Amino acid sequence: MSYEALVSMFVDRTDQNAPNQAMVMSRAIVDAKSSFLADGGHSDILANFTIDSPVPFAMDSVLATLNRLNTEMVPGARGEKQGDFYGKLSRLIQRLEGKRTDRRLGFLFRAASIADGYEWLEQAVTLLLGGRAAKGGQGGVKVVDFSEVPSDILPFIVGMVARMTFHVQQWSAQGARHPVALFCDEAHLYIPQDAASAAAENAIAIFERIAKEGRKYGIGLVVISQRPAEVNRTVVSQWNCHATDQW
């Protein structure tokens, strides 16, 4: 997840401490990613990575840092006093714990999985796009079934796959690209006009960008819906429409 995606999913923007929560969480994630890279001996990446770099990190490490800051006492003029973030991260910690223990989101927060490996993203890109991240990959049609993803985070999850596709195409050398078309069935469910949450807003933004800029990088967007009036207007404005009636 990018920084914006992480914040939109875990930080409540209506909370008066939201700016502090977002700042502290970003620092904790950068530290967790740094530890992963240092432990794995990836010094070349460690010198140049950012919070948006696709580096695995341990959620337990992030929660430990947040809990420490939320209860931290620091030296004061008359003894110990409460730290800068004392008690201000409780709601963020509760949201993180709630998401992690939600069984519907088990596919995101498994204790240990193949996604914890440094090479996982390359393998996922090869599987999804074929021949992009490694030689000898196969192209063709890839069907990704999101039917079991909870509806409240469906735009977010589909948006992550779309963002990965866009960024791989964007940063690949022009001669190494091959055309990619994203066929989005039931698009009104995850590219709606009215986003129900900040996480959905963040996900929709990537589809808007693909609709506006994707052609430059060889990405086509095919939007399929029986309810076109409910699909995001920015995406609709880029359409070359084709209507089909099925009997």
C-alpha atoms as a PDB file:
ATOM      1  CA  MET A   1       0.000   0.000   0.000  1.00  0.00           C
ATOM      2  CA  SER A   2       1.112   3.561  -0.651  1.00  0.00           C
ATOM      3  CA  TYR A   3       1.234   6.120   2.150  1.00  0.00           C
ATOM      4  CA  GLU A   4      -2.058   7.648   1.019  1.00  0.00           C
ATOM      5  CA  ALA A   5      -3.686   4.211   0.931  1.00  0.00           C
ATOM      6  CA  LEU A   6      -2.430   3.348   4.411  1.00  0.00           C
ATOM      7  CA  VAL A   7      -3.685   6.618   5.860  1.00  0.00           C
ATOM      8  CA  SER A   8      -7.068   6.357   4.153  1.00  0.00           C
ATOM      9  CA  MET A   9      -7.590   2.842   5.484  1.00  0.00           C
ATOM     10  CA  PHE A  10      -6.321   3.229   9.054  1.00  0.00           C
ATOM     11  CA  VAL A  11      -6.660   6.903  10.053  1.00  0.00           C
ATOM     12  CA  ASP A  12     -10.033   8.470  10.789  1.00  0.00           C
ATOM     13  CA  ARG A  13      -9.936  11.904   9.171  1.00  0.00           C
ATOM     14  CA  THR A  14     -12.645  13.183  11.524  1.00  0.00           C
ATOM     15  CA  ASP A  15     -10.426  12.582  14.551  1.00  0.00           C
ATOM     16  CA  GLN A  16      -8.886  15.816  15.858  1.00  0.00           C
ATOM     17  CA  ASN A  17      -5.576  13.963  16.226  1.00  0.00           C
ATOM     18  CA  ALA A  18      -5.645  12.630  12.643  1.00  0.00           C
ATOM     19  CA  PRO A  19      -2.591  14.672  11.478  1.00  0.00           C
ATOM     20  CA  ASN A  20      -0.522  13.430  14.422  1.00  0.00           C
ATOM     21  CA  GLN A  21      -1.712   9.879  13.883  1.00  0.00           C
ATOM     22  CA  ALA A  22      -0.798   9.951  10.189  1.00  0.00           C
ATOM     23  CA  MET A  23       2.644  11.410  10.927  1.00  0.00           C
ATOM     24  CA  VAL A  24       3.483   8.931  13.679  1.00  0.00           C
ATOM     25  CA  MET A  25       2.187   5.970  11.678  1.00  0.00           C
ATOM     26  CA  SER A  26       4.313   6.966   8.678  1.00  0.00           C
ATOM     27  CA  ARG A  27       7.422   7.146  10.859  1.00  0.00           C
ATOM     28  CA  ALA A  28       6.656   3.764  12.414  1.00  0.00           C
ATOM     29  CA  ILE A  29       6.183   2.176   8.980  1.00  0.00           C
ATOM     30  CA  VAL A  30       9.415   3.671   7.633  1.00  0.00           C
ATOM     31  CA  ASP A  31      11.272   2.319  10.685  1.00  0.00           C
ATOM     32  CA  ALA A  32       9.685  -1.127  10.205  1.00  0.00           C
ATOM     33  CA  LYS A  33      10.639  -1.172   6.523  1.00  0.00           C
ATOM     34  CA  SER A  34      14.158  -0.037   7.404  1.00  0.00           C
ATOM     35  CA  SER A  35      14.487  -2.940   9.839  1.00  0.00           C
ATOM     36  CA  PHE A  36      13.301  -5.407   7.186  1.00  0.00           C
ATOM     37  CA  LEU A  37      15.835  -4.120   4.655  1.00  0.00           C
ATOM     38  CA  ALA A  38      18.683  -3.998   7.180  1.00  0.00           C
ATOM     39  CA  ASP A  39      17.993  -7.534   8.428  1.00  0.00           C
ATOM     40  CA  GLY A  40      17.901  -8.798   4.842  1.00  0.00           C
ATOM     41  CA  GLY A  41      21.131  -7.080   3.832  1.00  0.00           C
ATOM     42  CA  HIS A  42      19.477  -4.858   1.205  1.00  0.00           C
ATOM     43  CA  SER A  43      21.762  -1.896   1.825  1.00  0.00           C
ATOM     44  CA  ASP A  44      21.409  -0.596  -1.740  1.00  0.00           C
ATOM     45  CA  ILE A  45      17.644  -0.217  -1.289  1.00  0.00           C
ATOM     46  CA  LEU A  46      17.960   1.028   2.287  1.00  0.00           C
ATOM     47  CA  ALA A  47      19.820   4.122   1.140  1.00  0.00           C
ATOM     48  CA  ASN A  48      17.103   5.284  -1.257  1.00  0.00           C
ATOM     49  CA  PHE A  49      13.705   3.867  -0.277  1.00  0.00           C
ATOM     50  CA  THR A  50      10.642   5.877   0.800  1.00  0.00           C
ATOM     51  CA  ILE A  51       7.420   5.006   2.623  1.00  0.00           C
ATOM     52  CA  ASP A  52       5.830   4.304  -0.779  1.00  0.00           C
ATOM     53  CA  SER A  53       8.522   1.799  -1.775  1.00  0.00           C
ATOM     54  CA  PRO A  54       7.075  -1.743  -2.043  1.00  0.00           C
ATOM     55  CA  VAL A  55       8.953  -3.157   0.933  1.00  0.00           C
ATOM     56  CA  PRO A  56       7.295  -5.615   3.369  1.00  0.00           C
ATOM     57  CA  PHE A  57       7.012  -4.597   7.010  1.00  0.00           C
ATOM     58  CA  ALA A  58       5.742  -6.189  10.217  1.00  0.00           C
ATOM     59  CA  MET A  59       2.468  -4.781  11.551  1.00  0.00           C
ATOM     60  CA  ASP A  60       3.465  -6.017  15.020  1.00  0.00           C
ATOM     61  CA  SER A  61       6.467  -3.690  14.902  1.00  0.00           C
ATOM     62  CA  VAL A  62       4.290  -0.724  13.929  1.00  0.00           C
ATOM     63  CA  LEU A  63       1.785  -1.446  16.714  1.00  0.00           C
ATOM     64  CA  ALA A  64       4.592  -1.811  19.267  1.00  0.00           C
ATOM     65  CA  THR A  65       5.928   1.620  18.318  1.00  0.00           C
ATOM     66  CA  LEU A  66       2.487   3.216  18.491  1.00  0.00           C
ATOM     67  CA  ASN A  67       1.738   1.655  21.880  1.00  0.00           C
ATOM     68  CA  ARG A  68       5.088   2.851  23.224  1.00  0.00           C
ATOM     69  CA  LEU A  69       4.481   6.439  22.094  1.00  0.00           C
ATOM     70  CA  ASN A  70       0.895   6.363  23.347  1.00  0.00           C
ATOM     71  CA  THR A  71       2.047   5.579  26.908  1.00  0.00           C
ATOM     72  CA  GLU A  72       5.472   7.254  26.874  1.00  0.00           C
ATOM     73  CA  MET A  73       6.613   9.314  29.868  1.00  0.00           C
ATOM     74  CA  VAL A  74       9.535  11.701  29.351  1.00  0.00           C
ATOM     75  CA  PRO A  75      11.782  13.678  31.740  1.00  0.00           C
ATOM     76  CA  GLY A  76      10.370  17.047  32.839  1.00  0.00           C
ATOM     77  CA  ALA A  77      11.433  19.909  35.066  1.00  0.00           C
ATOM     78  CA  ARG A  78       9.682  18.367  38.070  1.00  0.00           C
ATOM     79  CA  GLY A  79       9.999  14.709  37.222  1.00  0.00           C
ATOM     80  CA  GLU A  80       8.383  12.637  34.510  1.00  0.00           C
ATOM     81  CA  LYS A  81       5.666  14.067  32.328  1.00  0.00           C
ATOM     82  CA  GLN A  82       3.505  12.765  29.518  1.00  0.00           C
ATOM     83  CA  GLY A  83       5.150  12.516  26.103  1.00  0.00           C
ATOM     84  CA  ASP A  84       4.029  14.492  23.048  1.00  0.00           C
ATOM     85  CA  PHE A  85       1.740  11.685  21.836  1.00  0.00           C
ATOM     86  CA  TYR A  86       0.540  10.376  25.197  1.00  0.00           C
ATOM     87  CA  GLY A  87      -3.043   9.181  24.802  1.00  0.00           C
ATOM     88  CA  LYS A  88      -3.376  10.691  21.320  1.00  0.00           C
ATOM     89  CA  LEU A  89      -2.908   7.438  19.410  1.00  0.00           C
ATOM     90  CA  SER A  90      -5.472   5.285  21.193  1.00  0.00           C
ATOM     91  CA  ARG A  91      -8.095   5.456  18.432  1.00  0.00           C
ATOM     92  CA  LEU A  92      -5.497   4.735  15.741  1.00  0.00           C
ATOM     93  CA  ILE A  93      -4.245   1.695  17.662  1.00  0.00           C
ATOM     94  CA  GLN A  94      -7.813   0.504  18.150  1.00  0.00           C
ATOM     95  CA  ARG A  95      -8.539   0.853  14.413  1.00  0.00           C
ATOM     96  CA  LEU A  96      -5.366  -1.046  13.505  1.00  0.00           C
ATOM     97  CA  GLU A  97      -6.154  -3.837  15.949  1.00  0.00           C
ATOM     98  CA  GLY A  98      -9.753  -3.965  14.744  1.00  0.00           C
ATOM     99  CA  LYS A  99      -8.714  -4.281  11.105  1.00  0.00           C
ATOM    100  CA  ARG A 100      -6.099  -6.909  11.893  1.00  0.00           C
ATOM    101  CA  THR A 101      -8.488  -9.100  13.887  1.00  0.00           C
ATOM    102  CA  ASP A 102     -11.395  -8.756  11.431  1.00  0.00           C
ATOM    103  CA  ARG A 103     -11.767 -12.222   9.903  1.00  0.00           C
ATOM    104  CA  ARG A 104     -13.126 -10.730   6.677  1.00  0.00           C
ATOM    105  CA  LEU A 105      -9.738  -9.065   6.198  1.00  0.00           C
ATOM    106  CA  GLY A 106      -7.721 -12.158   7.031  1.00  0.00           C
ATOM    107  CA  PHE A 107      -6.245 -12.218   3.528  1.00  0.00           C
ATOM    108  CA  LEU A 108      -4.610  -8.837   4.262  1.00  0.00           C
ATOM    109  CA  PHE A 109      -3.267  -9.475   7.748  1.00  0.00           C
ATOM    110  CA  ARG A 110      -2.159 -13.078   7.920  1.00  0.00           C
ATOM    111  CA  ALA A 111       0.513 -13.712  10.544  1.00  0.00           C
ATOM    112  CA  ALA A 112       2.907 -15.196   7.998  1.00  0.00           C
ATOM    113  CA  SER A 113       2.563 -15.654   4.274  1.00  0.00           C
ATOM    114  CA  ILE A 114       4.441 -15.645   1.004  1.00  0.00           C
ATOM    115  CA  ALA A 115       3.880 -11.868   0.782  1.00  0.00           C
ATOM    116  CA  ASP A 116       6.407 -11.380   3.595  1.00  0.00           C
ATOM    117  CA  GLY A 117       9.258 -12.229   1.215  1.00  0.00           C
ATOM    118  CA  TYR A 118      11.288  -9.581  -0.574  1.00  0.00           C
ATOM    119  CA  GLU A 119      10.746 -11.251  -3.952  1.00  0.00           C
ATOM    120  CA  TRP A 120       6.969 -11.543  -3.585  1.00  0.00           C
ATOM    121  CA  LEU A 121       6.063  -8.400  -5.522  1.00  0.00           C
ATOM    122  CA  GLU A 122       8.121  -9.465  -8.532  1.00  0.00           C
ATOM    123  CA  GLN A 123       6.404 -12.854  -8.488  1.00  0.00           C
ATOM    124  CA  ALA A 124       2.962 -11.232  -8.206  1.00  0.00           C
ATOM    125  CA  VAL A 125       3.646  -8.859 -11.108  1.00  0.00           C
ATOM    126  CA  THR A 126       4.864 -11.732 -13.259  1.00  0.00           C
ATOM    127  CA  LEU A 127       1.757 -13.754 -12.430  1.00  0.00           C
ATOM    128  CA  LEU A 128      -0.591 -10.850 -13.068  1.00  0.00           C
ATOM    129  CA  LEU A 129       0.968  -9.150 -16.089  1.00  0.00           C
ATOM    130  CA  GLY A 130       3.062 -11.939 -17.574  1.00  0.00           C
ATOM    131  CA  GLY A 131       6.600 -11.395 -18.769  1.00  0.00           C
ATOM    132  CA  ARG A 132       6.902  -7.982 -17.185  1.00  0.00           C
ATOM    133  CA  ALA A 133       9.092  -8.548 -14.171  1.00  0.00           C
ATOM    134  CA  ALA A 134      10.969 -11.652 -15.260  1.00  0.00           C
ATOM    135  CA  LYS A 135      12.029 -13.228 -18.513  1.00  0.00           C
ATOM    136  CA  GLY A 136      10.020 -16.136 -19.770  1.00  0.00           C
ATOM    137  CA  GLY A 137       6.713 -15.003 -18.251  1.00  0.00           C
ATOM    138  CA  GLN A 138       3.531 -15.655 -20.142  1.00  0.00           C
ATOM    139  CA  GLY A 139       0.924 -13.115 -21.155  1.00  0.00           C
ATOM    140  CA  GLY A 140      -2.653 -13.874 -22.097  1.00  0.00           C
ATOM    141  CA  VAL A 141      -5.902 -13.356 -20.218  1.00  0.00           C
ATOM    142  CA  LYS A 142      -5.803 -13.156 -16.413  1.00  0.00           C
ATOM    143  CA  VAL A 143      -9.076 -13.408 -14.501  1.00  0.00           C
ATOM    144  CA  VAL A 144      -8.982 -11.994 -10.965  1.00  0.00           C
ATOM    145  CA  ASP A 145     -12.034 -12.925  -8.890  1.00  0.00           C
ATOM    146  CA  PHE A 146     -12.897 -10.351  -6.209  1.00  0.00           C
ATOM    147  CA  SER A 147     -16.341 -11.789  -5.431  1.00  0.00           C
ATOM    148  CA  GLU A 148     -15.388 -12.778  -1.863  1.00  0.00           C
ATOM    149  CA  VAL A 149     -13.819  -9.431  -0.958  1.00  0.00           C
ATOM    150  CA  PRO A 150     -16.040  -7.492   1.515  1.00  0.00           C
ATOM    151  CA  SER A 151     -17.986  -4.775  -0.283  1.00  0.00           C
ATOM    152  CA  ASP A 152     -16.763  -1.983   2.018  1.00  0.00           C
ATOM    153  CA  ILE A 153     -13.145  -2.469   0.946  1.00  0.00           C
ATOM    154  CA  LEU A 154     -13.742  -3.779  -2.588  1.00  0.00           C
ATOM    155  CA  PRO A 155     -12.799  -0.460  -4.278  1.00  0.00           C
ATOM    156  CA  PHE A 156      -9.661  -0.307  -2.155  1.00  0.00           C
ATOM    157  CA  ILE A 157      -8.463  -3.828  -3.038  1.00  0.00           C
ATOM    158  CA  VAL A 158      -9.290  -3.587  -6.749  1.00  0.00           C
ATOM    159  CA  GLY A 159      -7.628  -0.175  -6.793  1.00  0.00           C
ATOM    160  CA  MET A 160      -4.391  -1.662  -5.425  1.00  0.00           C
ATOM    161  CA  VAL A 161      -4.229  -4.137  -8.307  1.00  0.00           C
ATOM    162  CA  ALA A 162      -4.945  -1.342 -10.805  1.00  0.00           C
ATOM    163  CA  ARG A 163      -2.291   0.888  -9.220  1.00  0.00           C
ATOM    164  CA  MET A 164       0.305  -1.870  -9.389  1.00  0.00           C
ATOM    165  CA  THR A 165      -0.481  -2.412 -13.074  1.00  0.00           C
ATOM    166  CA  PHE A 166      -0.251   1.301 -13.815  1.00  0.00           C
ATOM    167  CA  HIS A 167       3.038   1.806 -11.987  1.00  0.00           C
ATOM    168  CA  VAL A 168       4.682  -1.223 -13.591  1.00  0.00           C
ATOM    169  CA  GLN A 169       3.726   0.069 -17.032  1.00  0.00           C
ATOM    170  CA  GLN A 170       4.727   3.620 -16.158  1.00  0.00           C
ATOM    171  CA  TRP A 171       8.207   2.721 -14.932  1.00  0.00           C
ATOM    172  CA  SER A 172       8.986   0.020 -17.495  1.00  0.00           C
ATOM    173  CA  ALA A 173      11.237   0.992 -20.405  1.00  0.00           C
ATOM    174  CA  GLN A 174       9.175   1.861 -23.444  1.00  0.00           C
ATOM    175  CA  GLY A 175      10.577  -1.024 -25.464  1.00  0.00           C
ATOM    176  CA  ALA A 176       9.746  -3.500 -22.691  1.00  0.00           C
ATOM    177  CA  ARG A 177       6.055  -2.628 -22.478  1.00  0.00           C
ATOM    178  CA  HIS A 178       3.272  -4.556 -24.104  1.00  0.00           C
ATOM    179  CA  PRO A 179      -0.359  -3.386 -24.199  1.00  0.00           C
ATOM    180  CA  VAL A 180      -2.495  -4.192 -21.175  1.00  0.00           C
ATOM    181  CA  ALA A 181      -6.284  -3.881 -21.079  1.00  0.00           C
ATOM    182  CA  LEU A 182      -8.149  -3.898 -17.759  1.00  0.00           C
ATOM    183  CA  PHE A 183     -11.702  -5.231 -18.151  1.00  0.00           C
ATOM    184  CA  CYS A 184     -13.678  -4.017 -15.126  1.00  0.00           C
ATOM    185  CA  ASP A 185     -16.915  -5.969 -14.823  1.00  0.00           C
ATOM    186  CA  GLU A 186     -19.621  -4.602 -12.493  1.00  0.00           C
ATOM    187  CA  ALA A 187     -17.549  -1.424 -12.416  1.00  0.00           C
ATOM    188  CA  HIS A 188     -20.159   0.584 -10.498  1.00  0.00           C
ATOM    189  CA  LEU A 189     -19.299  -1.470  -7.408  1.00  0.00           C
ATOM    190  CA  TYR A 190     -15.683  -0.272  -7.178  1.00  0.00           C
ATOM    191  CA  ILE A 191     -15.487   2.797  -9.448  1.00  0.00           C
ATOM    192  CA  PRO A 192     -18.571   4.616  -8.107  1.00  0.00           C
ATOM    193  CA  GLN A 193     -19.331   8.288  -8.473  1.00  0.00           C
ATOM    194  CA  ASP A 194     -19.844   8.752  -4.740  1.00  0.00           C
ATOM    195  CA  ALA A 195     -17.148   7.158  -2.592  1.00  0.00           C
ATOM    196  CA  ALA A 196     -18.366   5.799   0.734  1.00  0.00           C
ATOM    197  CA  SER A 197     -15.009   6.164   2.506  1.00  0.00           C
ATOM    198  CA  ALA A 198     -11.568   7.720   2.295  1.00  0.00           C
ATOM    199  CA  ALA A 199     -10.175   4.341   1.277  1.00  0.00           C
ATOM    200  CA  ALA A 200     -12.602   4.222  -1.645  1.00  0.00           C
ATOM    201  CA  GLU A 201     -11.656   7.770  -2.675  1.00  0.00           C
ATOM    202  CA  ASN A 202      -8.005   6.768  -2.764  1.00  0.00           C
ATOM    203  CA  ALA A 203      -8.759   3.722  -4.899  1.00  0.00           C
ATOM    204  CA  ILE A 204     -11.012   5.583  -7.319  1.00  0.00           C
ATOM    205  CA  ALA A 205      -8.262   8.129  -7.925  1.00  0.00           C
ATOM    206  CA  ILE A 206      -6.088   5.491  -9.616  1.00  0.00           C
ATOM    207  CA  PHE A 207      -8.861   4.540 -12.035  1.00  0.00           C
ATOM    208  CA  GLU A 208      -9.325   8.213 -12.863  1.00  0.00           C
ATOM    209  CA  ARG A 209      -5.607   8.451 -13.583  1.00  0.00           C
ATOM    210  CA  ILE A 210      -5.639   5.335 -15.754  1.00  0.00           C
ATOM    211  CA  ALA A 211      -8.637   6.692 -17.687  1.00  0.00           C
ATOM    212  CA  LYS A 212      -6.825   9.991 -18.315  1.00  0.00           C
ATOM    213  CA  GLU A 213      -3.196   8.899 -18.710  1.00  0.00           C
ATOM    214  CA  GLY A 214      -3.191   5.140 -19.267  1.00  0.00           C
ATOM    215  CA  ARG A 215      -2.943   5.306 -23.048  1.00  0.00           C
ATOM    216  CA  LYS A 216       0.510   6.904 -22.760  1.00  0.00           C
ATOM    217  CA  TYR A 217       1.772   3.771 -21.061  1.00  0.00           C
ATOM    218  CA  GLY A 218      -0.106   1.171 -23.070  1.00  0.00           C
ATOM    219  CA  ILE A 219      -2.962   0.614 -20.602  1.00  0.00           C
ATOM    220  CA  GLY A 220      -6.552   0.407 -21.790  1.00  0.00           C
ATOM    221  CA  LEU A 221      -9.547   0.549 -19.464  1.00  0.00           C
ATOM    222  CA  VAL A 222     -12.713  -1.307 -20.436  1.00  0.00           C
ATOM    223  CA  VAL A 223     -15.538  -0.395 -18.052  1.00  0.00           C
ATOM    224  CA  ILE A 224     -18.493  -2.808 -17.984  1.00  0.00           C
ATOM    225  CA  SER A 225     -21.627  -1.980 -16.017  1.00  0.00           C
ATOM    226  CA  GLN A 226     -25.397  -2.333 -16.169  1.00  0.00           C
ATOM    227  CA  ARG A 227     -25.613   0.896 -14.161  1.00  0.00           C
ATOM    228  CA  PRO A 228     -23.478   3.427 -16.071  1.00  0.00           C
ATOM    229  CA  ALA A 229     -25.111   6.355 -14.259  1.00  0.00           C
ATOM    230  CA  GLU A 230     -23.455   5.159 -11.015  1.00  0.00           C
ATOM    231  CA  VAL A 231     -19.929   4.953 -12.480  1.00  0.00           C
ATOM    232  CA  ASN A 232     -17.429   7.718 -11.708  1.00  0.00           C
ATOM    233  CA  ARG A 233     -17.969  10.674 -14.055  1.00  0.00           C
ATOM    234  CA  THR A 234     -14.261  11.334 -14.635  1.00  0.00           C
ATOM    235  CA  VAL A 235     -13.851   7.773 -15.900  1.00  0.00           C
ATOM    236  CA  VAL A 236     -17.062   8.000 -17.930  1.00  0.00           C
ATOM    237  CA  SER A 237     -15.837  11.193 -19.625  1.00  0.00           C
ATOM    238  CA  GLN A 238     -13.022   9.185 -21.254  1.00  0.00           C
ATOM    239  CA  TRP A 239     -15.346   6.506 -22.621  1.00  0.00           C
ATOM    240  CA  ASN A 240     -15.810   5.408 -26.169  1.00  0.00           C
ATOM    241  CA  CYS A 241     -19.267   4.034 -25.372  1.00  0.00           C
ATOM    242  CA  HIS A 242     -20.743   0.805 -26.707  1.00  0.00           C
ATOM    243  CA  ALA A 243     -24.154  -0.337 -25.542  1.00  0.00           C
ATOM    244  CA  THR A 244     -25.273  -3.939 -25.755  1.00  0.00           C
ATOM    245  CA  ASP A 245     -28.686  -5.424 -24.984  1.00  0.00           C
ATOM    246  CA  GLN A 246     -28.808  -9.061 -23.971  1.00  0.00           C
ATOM    247  CA  TRP A 247     -32.003 -11.083 -24.139  1.00  0.00           C
END
